[in-house]
Amino acid sequence: MWPGFPPDHVAPSPADRCRAILLDDYTLTNAEVALRARVDRDLPRRVRYELVCAGAIPPSRVVEKRGPVFRPLPRPSWALTMGSCAGHPEPDLWHSDLPAERERAKAITADAEQAERP
């Protein structure tokens, strides 16, 4: 029995319940220990620290936070890289708020892409 546990005729304290749960399975998270011991989440953290310092359980593995995964964009078409709007008499079509003008710009770009293909 872990030193400091109360005798069998005395009800275990919340910290004793946390100790028993962690000694049984130290891989549980503090939230899981808190749920099983029916205590707040701060107590299992403190009990785990005491047990790790005493050498009764190994330190928990620190999980690295992963950053966002960036996926490369698809390669743009030749017409977009060369700028089918460059030298066009109406370059504002590509930045217009009017749907009809944007459709015209798409058509011009599509025509340039068709001219690119052999």
PDB file of N, CA and C in Angstrom:
ATOM      1  N   MET A   1       0.843  -1.176   0.000  1.00  0.00           N
ATOM      2  CA  MET A   1       0.000   0.000   0.000  1.00  0.00           C
ATOM      3  C   MET A   1       0.888   1.239   0.000  1.00  0.00           C
ATOM      4  N   TRP A   2       0.458   2.262  -0.686  1.00  0.00           N
ATOM      5  CA  TRP A   2       1.210   3.507  -0.778  1.00  0.00           C
ATOM      6  C   TRP A   2       1.264   4.167   0.590  1.00  0.00           C
ATOM      7  N   PRO A   3       2.444   4.639   1.028  1.00  0.00           N
ATOM      8  CA  PRO A   3       2.525   5.281   2.344  1.00  0.00           C
ATOM      9  C   PRO A   3       1.615   6.506   2.399  1.00  0.00           C
ATOM     10  N   GLY A   4       0.954   6.654   3.497  1.00  0.00           N
ATOM     11  CA  GLY A   4       0.058   7.792   3.660  1.00  0.00           C
ATOM     12  C   GLY A   4      -1.391   7.425   3.412  1.00  0.00           C
ATOM     13  N   PHE A   5      -1.659   6.185   2.949  1.00  0.00           N
ATOM     14  CA  PHE A   5      -3.049   5.768   2.789  1.00  0.00           C
ATOM     15  C   PHE A   5      -3.655   5.597   4.176  1.00  0.00           C
ATOM     16  N   PRO A   6      -4.908   5.943   4.307  1.00  0.00           N
ATOM     17  CA  PRO A   6      -5.532   5.789   5.625  1.00  0.00           C
ATOM     18  C   PRO A   6      -5.780   4.313   5.937  1.00  0.00           C
ATOM     19  N   PRO A   7      -5.949   3.984   7.178  1.00  0.00           N
ATOM     20  CA  PRO A   7      -6.279   2.594   7.526  1.00  0.00           C
ATOM     21  C   PRO A   7      -7.597   2.179   6.867  1.00  0.00           C
ATOM     22  N   ASP A   8      -7.842   0.872   6.854  1.00  0.00           N
ATOM     23  CA  ASP A   8      -9.025   0.353   6.170  1.00  0.00           C
ATOM     24  C   ASP A   8     -10.340   0.844   6.768  1.00  0.00           C
ATOM     25  N   HIS A   9     -10.377   1.173   8.034  1.00  0.00           N
ATOM     26  CA  HIS A   9     -11.644   1.577   8.660  1.00  0.00           C
ATOM     27  C   HIS A   9     -11.955   3.070   8.439  1.00  0.00           C
ATOM     28  N   VAL A  10     -11.047   3.812   7.789  1.00  0.00           N
ATOM     29  CA  VAL A  10     -11.270   5.234   7.520  1.00  0.00           C
ATOM     30  C   VAL A  10     -11.527   5.398   6.011  1.00  0.00           C
ATOM     31  N   ALA A  11     -12.542   6.200   5.682  1.00  0.00           N
ATOM     32  CA  ALA A  11     -12.868   6.439   4.273  1.00  0.00           C
ATOM     33  C   ALA A  11     -11.707   7.181   3.601  1.00  0.00           C
ATOM     34  N   PRO A  12     -11.355   6.777   2.378  1.00  0.00           N
ATOM     35  CA  PRO A  12     -10.238   7.445   1.703  1.00  0.00           C
ATOM     36  C   PRO A  12     -10.598   8.875   1.305  1.00  0.00           C
ATOM     37  N   SER A  13      -9.619   9.736   1.364  1.00  0.00           N
ATOM     38  CA  SER A  13      -9.837  11.131   0.965  1.00  0.00           C
ATOM     39  C   SER A  13      -9.852  11.213  -0.563  1.00  0.00           C
ATOM     40  N   PRO A  14     -10.290  12.338  -1.130  1.00  0.00           N
ATOM     41  CA  PRO A  14     -10.253  12.487  -2.587  1.00  0.00           C
ATOM     42  C   PRO A  14      -8.845  12.313  -3.160  1.00  0.00           C
ATOM     43  N   ALA A  15      -7.835  12.820  -2.449  1.00  0.00           N
ATOM     44  CA  ALA A  15      -6.458  12.657  -2.921  1.00  0.00           C
ATOM     45  C   ALA A  15      -6.048  11.193  -2.908  1.00  0.00           C
ATOM     46  N   ASP A  16      -6.499  10.435  -1.882  1.00  0.00           N
ATOM     47  CA  ASP A  16      -6.191   9.009  -1.822  1.00  0.00           C
ATOM     48  C   ASP A  16      -6.855   8.253  -2.974  1.00  0.00           C
ATOM     49  N   ARG A  17      -8.077   8.642  -3.324  1.00  0.00           N
ATOM     50  CA  ARG A  17      -8.758   8.008  -4.455  1.00  0.00           C
ATOM     51  C   ARG A  17      -7.985   8.277  -5.743  1.00  0.00           C
ATOM     52  N   CYS A  18      -7.507   9.523  -5.906  1.00  0.00           N
ATOM     53  CA  CYS A  18      -6.720   9.865  -7.106  1.00  0.00           C
ATOM     54  C   CYS A  18      -5.426   9.071  -7.142  1.00  0.00           C
ATOM     55  N   ARG A  19      -4.761   8.940  -6.002  1.00  0.00           N
ATOM     56  CA  ARG A  19      -3.509   8.179  -5.926  1.00  0.00           C
ATOM     57  C   ARG A  19      -3.739   6.725  -6.338  1.00  0.00           C
ATOM     58  N   ALA A  20      -4.806   6.134  -5.810  1.00  0.00           N
ATOM     59  CA  ALA A  20      -5.088   4.736  -6.115  1.00  0.00           C
ATOM     60  C   ALA A  20      -5.361   4.550  -7.610  1.00  0.00           C
ATOM     61  N   ILE A  21      -6.109   5.472  -8.190  1.00  0.00           N
ATOM     62  CA  ILE A  21      -6.433   5.380  -9.624  1.00  0.00           C
ATOM     63  C   ILE A  21      -5.172   5.547 -10.454  1.00  0.00           C
ATOM     64  N   LEU A  22      -4.331   6.523 -10.113  1.00  0.00           N
ATOM     65  CA  LEU A  22      -3.108   6.755 -10.879  1.00  0.00           C
ATOM     66  C   LEU A  22      -2.103   5.617 -10.715  1.00  0.00           C
ATOM     67  N   LEU A  23      -2.030   5.027  -9.530  1.00  0.00           N
ATOM     68  CA  LEU A  23      -1.119   3.897  -9.336  1.00  0.00           C
ATOM     69  C   LEU A  23      -1.611   2.671 -10.098  1.00  0.00           C
ATOM     70  N   ASP A  24      -2.912   2.572 -10.265  1.00  0.00           N
ATOM     71  CA  ASP A  24      -3.479   1.456 -11.018  1.00  0.00           C
ATOM     72  C   ASP A  24      -3.232   1.626 -12.518  1.00  0.00           C
ATOM     73  N   ASP A  25      -3.425   2.864 -13.027  1.00  0.00           N
ATOM     74  CA  ASP A  25      -3.224   3.130 -14.456  1.00  0.00           C
ATOM     75  C   ASP A  25      -2.769   4.581 -14.623  1.00  0.00           C
ATOM     76  N   TYR A  26      -1.457   4.766 -14.718  1.00  0.00           N
ATOM     77  CA  TYR A  26      -0.909   6.120 -14.797  1.00  0.00           C
ATOM     78  C   TYR A  26      -1.080   6.746 -16.178  1.00  0.00           C
ATOM     79  N   THR A  27      -1.535   5.967 -17.171  1.00  0.00           N
ATOM     80  CA  THR A  27      -1.705   6.516 -18.520  1.00  0.00           C
ATOM     81  C   THR A  27      -2.987   7.315 -18.671  1.00  0.00           C
ATOM     82  N   LEU A  28      -3.845   7.278 -17.683  1.00  0.00           N
ATOM     83  CA  LEU A  28      -5.087   8.057 -17.755  1.00  0.00           C
ATOM     84  C   LEU A  28      -4.780   9.550 -17.720  1.00  0.00           C
ATOM     85  N   THR A  29      -5.622  10.323 -18.377  1.00  0.00           N
ATOM     86  CA  THR A  29      -5.457  11.777 -18.312  1.00  0.00           C
ATOM     87  C   THR A  29      -5.986  12.286 -16.977  1.00  0.00           C
ATOM     88  N   ASN A  30      -5.617  13.502 -16.645  1.00  0.00           N
ATOM     89  CA  ASN A  30      -6.105  14.086 -15.397  1.00  0.00           C
ATOM     90  C   ASN A  30      -7.623  14.226 -15.401  1.00  0.00           C
ATOM     91  N   ALA A  31      -8.196  14.505 -16.562  1.00  0.00           N
ATOM     92  CA  ALA A  31      -9.656  14.621 -16.646  1.00  0.00           C
ATOM     93  C   ALA A  31     -10.320  13.274 -16.371  1.00  0.00           C
ATOM     94  N   GLU A  32      -9.731  12.184 -16.899  1.00  0.00           N
ATOM     95  CA  GLU A  32     -10.302  10.857 -16.651  1.00  0.00           C
ATOM     96  C   GLU A  32     -10.179  10.470 -15.184  1.00  0.00           C
ATOM     97  N   VAL A  33      -9.050  10.798 -14.573  1.00  0.00           N
ATOM     98  CA  VAL A  33      -8.866  10.502 -13.150  1.00  0.00           C
ATOM     99  C   VAL A  33      -9.874  11.296 -12.326  1.00  0.00           C
ATOM    100  N   ALA A  34     -10.085  12.559 -12.695  1.00  0.00           N
ATOM    101  CA  ALA A  34     -11.042  13.392 -11.960  1.00  0.00           C
ATOM    102  C   ALA A  34     -12.448  12.816 -12.051  1.00  0.00           C
ATOM    103  N   LEU A  35     -12.817  12.311 -13.222  1.00  0.00           N
ATOM    104  CA  LEU A  35     -14.148  11.713 -13.368  1.00  0.00           C
ATOM    105  C   LEU A  35     -14.283  10.449 -12.533  1.00  0.00           C
ATOM    106  N   ARG A  36     -13.257   9.606 -12.561  1.00  0.00           N
ATOM    107  CA  ARG A  36     -13.339   8.355 -11.792  1.00  0.00           C
ATOM    108  C   ARG A  36     -13.322   8.597 -10.288  1.00  0.00           C
ATOM    109  N   ALA A  37     -12.548   9.583  -9.846  1.00  0.00           N
ATOM    110  CA  ALA A  37     -12.440   9.864  -8.406  1.00  0.00           C
ATOM    111  C   ALA A  37     -13.516  10.830  -7.933  1.00  0.00           C
ATOM    112  N   ARG A  38     -14.264  11.383  -8.877  1.00  0.00           N
ATOM    113  CA  ARG A  38     -15.321  12.364  -8.580  1.00  0.00           C
ATOM    114  C   ARG A  38     -14.764  13.565  -7.802  1.00  0.00           C
ATOM    115  N   VAL A  39     -13.722  14.170  -8.399  1.00  0.00           N
ATOM    116  CA  VAL A  39     -13.096  15.363  -7.822  1.00  0.00           C
ATOM    117  C   VAL A  39     -12.938  16.396  -8.926  1.00  0.00           C
ATOM    118  N   ASP A  40     -12.522  17.623  -8.536  1.00  0.00           N
ATOM    119  CA  ASP A  40     -12.267  18.636  -9.555  1.00  0.00           C
ATOM    120  C   ASP A  40     -10.968  18.295 -10.295  1.00  0.00           C
ATOM    121  N   ARG A  41     -10.738  18.929 -11.445  1.00  0.00           N
ATOM    122  CA  ARG A  41      -9.614  18.555 -12.304  1.00  0.00           C
ATOM    123  C   ARG A  41      -8.260  18.990 -11.759  1.00  0.00           C
ATOM    124  N   ASP A  42      -8.231  19.857 -10.783  1.00  0.00           N
ATOM    125  CA  ASP A  42      -6.951  20.340 -10.263  1.00  0.00           C
ATOM    126  C   ASP A  42      -6.282  19.308  -9.354  1.00  0.00           C
ATOM    127  N   LEU A  43      -7.062  18.546  -8.629  1.00  0.00           N
ATOM    128  CA  LEU A  43      -6.504  17.590  -7.673  1.00  0.00           C
ATOM    129  C   LEU A  43      -5.690  16.477  -8.345  1.00  0.00           C
ATOM    130  N   PRO A  44      -6.167  15.846  -9.410  1.00  0.00           N
ATOM    131  CA  PRO A  44      -5.333  14.809 -10.052  1.00  0.00           C
ATOM    132  C   PRO A  44      -3.996  15.348 -10.562  1.00  0.00           C
ATOM    133  N   ARG A  45      -3.975  16.611 -11.001  1.00  0.00           N
ATOM    134  CA  ARG A  45      -2.721  17.198 -11.455  1.00  0.00           C
ATOM    135  C   ARG A  45      -1.718  17.261 -10.314  1.00  0.00           C
ATOM    136  N   ARG A  46      -2.173  17.705  -9.146  1.00  0.00           N
ATOM    137  CA  ARG A  46      -1.278  17.804  -7.993  1.00  0.00           C
ATOM    138  C   ARG A  46      -0.837  16.429  -7.503  1.00  0.00           C
ATOM    139  N   VAL A  47      -1.771  15.476  -7.475  1.00  0.00           N
ATOM    140  CA  VAL A  47      -1.434  14.125  -7.021  1.00  0.00           C
ATOM    141  C   VAL A  47      -0.454  13.469  -7.989  1.00  0.00           C
ATOM    142  N   ARG A  48      -0.681  13.664  -9.299  1.00  0.00           N
ATOM    143  CA  ARG A  48       0.237  13.098 -10.292  1.00  0.00           C
ATOM    144  C   ARG A  48       1.646  13.671 -10.092  1.00  0.00           C
ATOM    145  N   TYR A  49       1.730  14.975  -9.844  1.00  0.00           N
ATOM    146  CA  TYR A  49       3.030  15.613  -9.617  1.00  0.00           C
ATOM    147  C   TYR A  49       3.723  14.995  -8.407  1.00  0.00           C
ATOM    148  N   GLU A  50       2.985  14.767  -7.328  1.00  0.00           N
ATOM    149  CA  GLU A  50       3.568  14.157  -6.130  1.00  0.00           C
ATOM    150  C   GLU A  50       4.081  12.747  -6.429  1.00  0.00           C
ATOM    151  N   LEU A  51       3.288  11.958  -7.171  1.00  0.00           N
ATOM    152  CA  LEU A  51       3.692  10.583  -7.471  1.00  0.00           C
ATOM    153  C   LEU A  51       4.898  10.536  -8.409  1.00  0.00           C
ATOM    154  N   VAL A  52       4.956  11.453  -9.365  1.00  0.00           N
ATOM    155  CA  VAL A  52       6.107  11.500 -10.275  1.00  0.00           C
ATOM    156  C   VAL A  52       7.354  11.900  -9.497  1.00  0.00           C
ATOM    157  N   CYS A  53       7.244  12.896  -8.617  1.00  0.00           N
ATOM    158  CA  CYS A  53       8.398  13.328  -7.815  1.00  0.00           C
ATOM    159  C   CYS A  53       8.877  12.216  -6.885  1.00  0.00           C
ATOM    160  N   ALA A  54       7.941  11.390  -6.396  1.00  0.00           N
ATOM    161  CA  ALA A  54       8.316  10.285  -5.507  1.00  0.00           C
ATOM    162  C   ALA A  54       8.863   9.103  -6.292  1.00  0.00           C
ATOM    163  N   GLY A  55       8.744   9.128  -7.605  1.00  0.00           N
ATOM    164  CA  GLY A  55       9.240   8.032  -8.433  1.00  0.00           C
ATOM    165  C   GLY A  55       8.288   6.861  -8.514  1.00  0.00           C
ATOM    166  N   ALA A  56       7.039   7.041  -8.085  1.00  0.00           N
ATOM    167  CA  ALA A  56       6.074   5.940  -8.097  1.00  0.00           C
ATOM    168  C   ALA A  56       5.520   5.685  -9.497  1.00  0.00           C
ATOM    169  N   ILE A  57       5.411   6.735 -10.299  1.00  0.00           N
ATOM    170  CA  ILE A  57       4.941   6.591 -11.682  1.00  0.00           C
ATOM    171  C   ILE A  57       5.872   7.398 -12.583  1.00  0.00           C
ATOM    172  N   PRO A  58       5.981   7.006 -13.857  1.00  0.00           N
ATOM    173  CA  PRO A  58       6.837   7.783 -14.761  1.00  0.00           C
ATOM    174  C   PRO A  58       6.161   9.078 -15.163  1.00  0.00           C
ATOM    175  N   PRO A  59       6.943  10.067 -15.567  1.00  0.00           N
ATOM    176  CA  PRO A  59       6.326  11.316 -16.021  1.00  0.00           C
ATOM    177  C   PRO A  59       5.489  11.052 -17.267  1.00  0.00           C
ATOM    178  N   SER A  60       4.424  11.809 -17.385  1.00  0.00           N
ATOM    179  CA  SER A  60       3.565  11.606 -18.550  1.00  0.00           C
ATOM    180  C   SER A  60       4.266  12.112 -19.794  1.00  0.00           C
ATOM    181  N   ARG A  61       3.944  11.497 -20.903  1.00  0.00           N
ATOM    182  CA  ARG A  61       4.540  11.866 -22.179  1.00  0.00           C
ATOM    183  C   ARG A  61       3.919  13.176 -22.635  1.00  0.00           C
ATOM    184  N   VAL A  62       4.743  14.120 -22.996  1.00  0.00           N
ATOM    185  CA  VAL A  62       4.255  15.405 -23.460  1.00  0.00           C
ATOM    186  C   VAL A  62       3.949  15.288 -24.948  1.00  0.00           C
ATOM    187  N   VAL A  63       2.736  15.588 -25.313  1.00  0.00           N
ATOM    188  CA  VAL A  63       2.329  15.514 -26.709  1.00  0.00           C
ATOM    189  C   VAL A  63       2.588  16.867 -27.348  1.00  0.00           C
ATOM    190  N   GLU A  64       3.362  16.845 -28.425  1.00  0.00           N
ATOM    191  CA  GLU A  64       3.672  18.097 -29.103  1.00  0.00           C
ATOM    192  C   GLU A  64       2.441  18.591 -29.848  1.00  0.00           C
ATOM    193  N   LYS A  65       2.242  19.887 -29.783  1.00  0.00           N
ATOM    194  CA  LYS A  65       1.151  20.473 -30.537  1.00  0.00           C
ATOM    195  C   LYS A  65       1.590  20.596 -31.982  1.00  0.00           C
ATOM    196  N   ARG A  66       0.761  20.088 -32.865  1.00  0.00           N
ATOM    197  CA  ARG A  66       1.089  20.144 -34.280  1.00  0.00           C
ATOM    198  C   ARG A  66       0.486  21.395 -34.881  1.00  0.00           C
ATOM    199  N   GLY A  67       1.247  22.000 -35.736  1.00  0.00           N
ATOM    200  CA  GLY A  67       0.761  23.177 -36.434  1.00  0.00           C
ATOM    201  C   GLY A  67      -0.147  22.786 -37.586  1.00  0.00           C
ATOM    202  N   PRO A  68      -0.668  23.753 -38.275  1.00  0.00           N
ATOM    203  CA  PRO A  68      -1.533  23.429 -39.407  1.00  0.00           C
ATOM    204  C   PRO A  68      -0.734  22.777 -40.534  1.00  0.00           C
ATOM    205  N   VAL A  69      -1.397  21.916 -41.258  1.00  0.00           N
ATOM    206  CA  VAL A  69      -0.768  21.232 -42.386  1.00  0.00           C
ATOM    207  C   VAL A  69      -1.091  22.025 -43.644  1.00  0.00           C
ATOM    208  N   PHE A  70      -0.059  22.490 -44.309  1.00  0.00           N
ATOM    209  CA  PHE A  70      -0.251  23.268 -45.523  1.00  0.00           C
ATOM    210  C   PHE A  70      -0.152  22.358 -46.735  1.00  0.00           C
ATOM    211  N   ARG A  71      -1.154  22.424 -47.554  1.00  0.00           N
ATOM    212  CA  ARG A  71      -1.148  21.661 -48.793  1.00  0.00           C
ATOM    213  C   ARG A  71      -0.870  22.627 -49.934  1.00  0.00           C
ATOM    214  N   PRO A  72       0.009  22.263 -50.829  1.00  0.00           N
ATOM    215  CA  PRO A  72       0.316  23.186 -51.920  1.00  0.00           C
ATOM    216  C   PRO A  72      -0.892  23.369 -52.832  1.00  0.00           C
ATOM    217  N   LEU A  73      -1.017  24.559 -53.348  1.00  0.00           N
ATOM    218  CA  LEU A  73      -2.092  24.843 -54.291  1.00  0.00           C
ATOM    219  C   LEU A  73      -1.779  24.182 -55.623  1.00  0.00           C
ATOM    220  N   PRO A  74      -2.815  23.869 -56.397  1.00  0.00           N
ATOM    221  CA  PRO A  74      -2.535  23.306 -57.714  1.00  0.00           C
ATOM    222  C   PRO A  74      -1.800  24.326 -58.576  1.00  0.00           C
ATOM    223  N   ARG A  75      -1.039  23.828 -59.501  1.00  0.00           N
ATOM    224  CA  ARG A  75      -0.257  24.711 -60.348  1.00  0.00           C
ATOM    225  C   ARG A  75      -1.186  25.537 -61.232  1.00  0.00           C
ATOM    226  N   PRO A  76      -0.992  26.853 -61.271  1.00  0.00           N
ATOM    227  CA  PRO A  76      -1.878  27.683 -62.092  1.00  0.00           C
ATOM    228  C   PRO A  76      -1.608  27.472 -63.582  1.00  0.00           C
ATOM    229  N   SER A  77      -2.608  27.779 -64.372  1.00  0.00           N
ATOM    230  CA  SER A  77      -2.460  27.608 -65.812  1.00  0.00           C
ATOM    231  C   SER A  77      -1.500  28.668 -66.373  1.00  0.00           C
ATOM    232  N   TRP A  78      -1.049  28.409 -67.604  1.00  0.00           N
ATOM    233  CA  TRP A  78      -0.137  29.342 -68.257  1.00  0.00           C
ATOM    234  C   TRP A  78      -0.784  30.714 -68.408  1.00  0.00           C
ATOM    235  N   ALA A  79      -2.072  30.737 -68.752  1.00  0.00           N
ATOM    236  CA  ALA A  79      -2.757  32.009 -68.973  1.00  0.00           C
ATOM    237  C   ALA A  79      -2.781  32.846 -67.698  1.00  0.00           C
ATOM    238  N   LEU A  80      -2.901  32.175 -66.556  1.00  0.00           N
ATOM    239  CA  LEU A  80      -2.904  32.929 -65.303  1.00  0.00           C
ATOM    240  C   LEU A  80      -1.504  33.392 -64.928  1.00  0.00           C
ATOM    241  N   THR A  81      -0.503  32.577 -65.198  1.00  0.00           N
ATOM    242  CA  THR A  81       0.852  32.991 -64.832  1.00  0.00           C
ATOM    243  C   THR A  81       1.369  34.089 -65.757  1.00  0.00           C
ATOM    244  N   MET A  82       0.970  34.039 -67.005  1.00  0.00           N
ATOM    245  CA  MET A  82       1.412  35.065 -67.943  1.00  0.00           C
ATOM    246  C   MET A  82       0.508  36.298 -67.870  1.00  0.00           C
ATOM    247  N   GLY A  83      -0.631  36.135 -67.242  1.00  0.00           N
ATOM    248  CA  GLY A  83      -1.530  37.263 -67.071  1.00  0.00           C
ATOM    249  C   GLY A  83      -2.320  37.557 -68.336  1.00  0.00           C
ATOM    250  N   SER A  84      -3.431  36.857 -68.502  1.00  0.00           N
ATOM    251  CA  SER A  84      -4.244  37.114 -69.688  1.00  0.00           C
ATOM    252  C   SER A  84      -4.879  38.506 -69.619  1.00  0.00           C
ATOM    253  N   CYS A  85      -4.832  39.130 -68.453  1.00  0.00           N
ATOM    254  CA  CYS A  85      -5.345  40.495 -68.337  1.00  0.00           C
ATOM    255  C   CYS A  85      -4.279  41.525 -68.722  1.00  0.00           C
ATOM    256  N   ALA A  86      -3.012  41.094 -68.771  1.00  0.00           N
ATOM    257  CA  ALA A  86      -1.936  42.032 -69.116  1.00  0.00           C
ATOM    258  C   ALA A  86      -2.068  42.464 -70.570  1.00  0.00           C
ATOM    259  N   GLY A  87      -2.092  43.740 -70.775  1.00  0.00           N
ATOM    260  CA  GLY A  87      -2.205  44.289 -72.113  1.00  0.00           C
ATOM    261  C   GLY A  87      -3.628  44.280 -72.661  1.00  0.00           C
ATOM    262  N   HIS A  88      -4.567  43.774 -71.885  1.00  0.00           N
ATOM    263  CA  HIS A  88      -5.964  43.758 -72.334  1.00  0.00           C
ATOM    264  C   HIS A  88      -6.519  45.178 -72.242  1.00  0.00           C
ATOM    265  N   PRO A  89      -7.373  45.577 -73.195  1.00  0.00           N
ATOM    266  CA  PRO A  89      -7.898  46.942 -73.145  1.00  0.00           C
ATOM    267  C   PRO A  89      -8.801  47.197 -71.934  1.00  0.00           C
ATOM    268  N   GLU A  90      -9.360  46.155 -71.330  1.00  0.00           N
ATOM    269  CA  GLU A  90     -10.233  46.338 -70.167  1.00  0.00           C
ATOM    270  C   GLU A  90      -9.724  45.475 -68.999  1.00  0.00           C
ATOM    271  N   PRO A  91      -8.622  45.837 -68.363  1.00  0.00           N
ATOM    272  CA  PRO A  91      -8.089  44.995 -67.284  1.00  0.00           C
ATOM    273  C   PRO A  91      -8.953  44.991 -66.022  1.00  0.00           C
ATOM    274  N   ASP A  92      -9.876  45.931 -65.889  1.00  0.00           N
ATOM    275  CA  ASP A  92     -10.728  45.988 -64.697  1.00  0.00           C
ATOM    276  C   ASP A  92     -11.787  44.894 -64.683  1.00  0.00           C
ATOM    277  N   LEU A  93     -11.950  44.164 -65.777  1.00  0.00           N
ATOM    278  CA  LEU A  93     -12.924  43.070 -65.815  1.00  0.00           C
ATOM    279  C   LEU A  93     -12.616  42.024 -64.744  1.00  0.00           C
ATOM    280  N   TRP A  94     -11.334  41.778 -64.491  1.00  0.00           N
ATOM    281  CA  TRP A  94     -10.938  40.731 -63.555  1.00  0.00           C
ATOM    282  C   TRP A  94     -11.185  41.125 -62.094  1.00  0.00           C
ATOM    283  N   HIS A  95     -11.439  42.416 -61.829  1.00  0.00           N
ATOM    284  CA  HIS A  95     -11.666  42.875 -60.456  1.00  0.00           C
ATOM    285  C   HIS A  95     -13.034  43.514 -60.291  1.00  0.00           C
ATOM    286  N   SER A  96     -13.919  43.261 -61.206  1.00  0.00           N
ATOM    287  CA  SER A  96     -15.220  43.918 -61.206  1.00  0.00           C
ATOM    288  C   SER A  96     -16.153  43.293 -60.178  1.00  0.00           C
ATOM    289  N   ASP A  97     -17.102  44.076 -59.716  1.00  0.00           N
ATOM    290  CA  ASP A  97     -18.133  43.578 -58.809  1.00  0.00           C
ATOM    291  C   ASP A  97     -19.329  43.025 -59.587  1.00  0.00           C
ATOM    292  N   LEU A  98     -19.399  43.285 -60.872  1.00  0.00           N
ATOM    293  CA  LEU A  98     -20.530  42.840 -61.682  1.00  0.00           C
ATOM    294  C   LEU A  98     -20.304  41.405 -62.169  1.00  0.00           C
ATOM    295  N   PRO A  99     -21.259  40.522 -61.949  1.00  0.00           N
ATOM    296  CA  PRO A  99     -21.086  39.124 -62.370  1.00  0.00           C
ATOM    297  C   PRO A  99     -20.886  38.977 -63.878  1.00  0.00           C
ATOM    298  N   ALA A 100     -21.547  39.787 -64.671  1.00  0.00           N
ATOM    299  CA  ALA A 100     -21.416  39.674 -66.124  1.00  0.00           C
ATOM    300  C   ALA A 100     -19.987  39.983 -66.569  1.00  0.00           C
ATOM    301  N   GLU A 101     -19.374  40.994 -65.964  1.00  0.00           N
ATOM    302  CA  GLU A 101     -17.998  41.342 -66.333  1.00  0.00           C
ATOM    303  C   GLU A 101     -17.018  40.263 -65.870  1.00  0.00           C
ATOM    304  N   ARG A 102     -17.279  39.680 -64.714  1.00  0.00           N
ATOM    305  CA  ARG A 102     -16.408  38.594 -64.241  1.00  0.00           C
ATOM    306  C   ARG A 102     -16.514  37.378 -65.159  1.00  0.00           C
ATOM    307  N   GLU A 103     -17.727  37.099 -65.651  1.00  0.00           N
ATOM    308  CA  GLU A 103     -17.896  35.989 -66.591  1.00  0.00           C
ATOM    309  C   GLU A 103     -17.142  36.254 -67.894  1.00  0.00           C
ATOM    310  N   ARG A 104     -17.160  37.513 -68.341  1.00  0.00           N
ATOM    311  CA  ARG A 104     -16.389  37.869 -69.533  1.00  0.00           C
ATOM    312  C   ARG A 104     -14.898  37.642 -69.312  1.00  0.00           C
ATOM    313  N   ALA A 105     -14.434  38.015 -68.139  1.00  0.00           N
ATOM    314  CA  ALA A 105     -13.021  37.817 -67.809  1.00  0.00           C
ATOM    315  C   ALA A 105     -12.675  36.324 -67.794  1.00  0.00           C
ATOM    316  N   LYS A 106     -13.589  35.497 -67.241  1.00  0.00           N
ATOM    317  CA  LYS A 106     -13.358  34.048 -67.237  1.00  0.00           C
ATOM    318  C   LYS A 106     -13.300  33.508 -68.659  1.00  0.00           C
ATOM    319  N   ALA A 107     -14.161  34.016 -69.516  1.00  0.00           N
ATOM    320  CA  ALA A 107     -14.168  33.565 -70.908  1.00  0.00           C
ATOM    321  C   ALA A 107     -12.869  33.946 -71.614  1.00  0.00           C
ATOM    322  N   ILE A 108     -12.370  35.147 -71.350  1.00  0.00           N
ATOM    323  CA  ILE A 108     -11.107  35.576 -71.961  1.00  0.00           C
ATOM    324  C   ILE A 108      -9.968  34.677 -71.486  1.00  0.00           C
ATOM    325  N   THR A 109      -9.959  34.364 -70.197  1.00  0.00           N
ATOM    326  CA  THR A 109      -8.923  33.489 -69.645  1.00  0.00           C
ATOM    327  C   THR A 109      -9.031  32.089 -70.232  1.00  0.00           C
ATOM    328  N   ALA A 110     -10.263  31.584 -70.360  1.00  0.00           N
ATOM    329  CA  ALA A 110     -10.458  30.249 -70.929  1.00  0.00           C
ATOM    330  C   ALA A 110      -9.995  30.213 -72.378  1.00  0.00           C
ATOM    331  N   ASP A 111     -10.269  31.282 -73.140  1.00  0.00           N
ATOM    332  CA  ASP A 111      -9.807  31.334 -74.529  1.00  0.00           C
ATOM    333  C   ASP A 111      -8.272  31.312 -74.584  1.00  0.00           C
ATOM    334  N   ALA A 112      -7.652  32.010 -73.643  1.00  0.00           N
ATOM    335  CA  ALA A 112      -6.179  32.029 -73.615  1.00  0.00           C
ATOM    336  C   ALA A 112      -5.631  30.654 -73.260  1.00  0.00           C
ATOM    337  N   GLU A 113      -6.325  29.922 -72.379  1.00  0.00           N
ATOM    338  CA  GLU A 113      -5.880  28.571 -72.024  1.00  0.00           C
ATOM    339  C   GLU A 113      -6.029  27.629 -73.219  1.00  0.00           C
ATOM    340  N   GLN A 114      -7.119  27.782 -73.987  1.00  0.00           N
ATOM    341  CA  GLN A 114      -7.313  26.935 -75.159  1.00  0.00           C
ATOM    342  C   GLN A 114      -6.230  27.212 -76.204  1.00  0.00           C
ATOM    343  N   ALA A 115      -5.825  28.454 -76.305  1.00  0.00           N
ATOM    344  CA  ALA A 115      -4.783  28.805 -77.277  1.00  0.00           C
ATOM    345  C   ALA A 115      -3.438  28.226 -76.843  1.00  0.00           C
ATOM    346  N   GLU A 116      -3.278  28.024 -75.538  1.00  0.00           N
ATOM    347  CA  GLU A 116      -2.017  27.479 -75.014  1.00  0.00           C
ATOM    348  C   GLU A 116      -1.857  26.032 -75.408  1.00  0.00           C
ATOM    349  N   ARG A 117      -2.937  25.260 -75.379  1.00  0.00           N
ATOM    350  CA  ARG A 117      -2.866  23.810 -75.639  1.00  0.00           C
ATOM    351  C   ARG A 117      -2.639  23.545 -77.128  1.00  0.00           C
ATOM    352  N   PRO A 118      -1.791  22.586 -77.423  1.00  0.00           N
ATOM    353  CA  PRO A 118      -1.513  22.266 -78.842  1.00  0.00           C
ATOM    354  C   PRO A 118      -2.639  21.486 -79.493  1.00  0.00           C
TER     355      PRO A 118
END
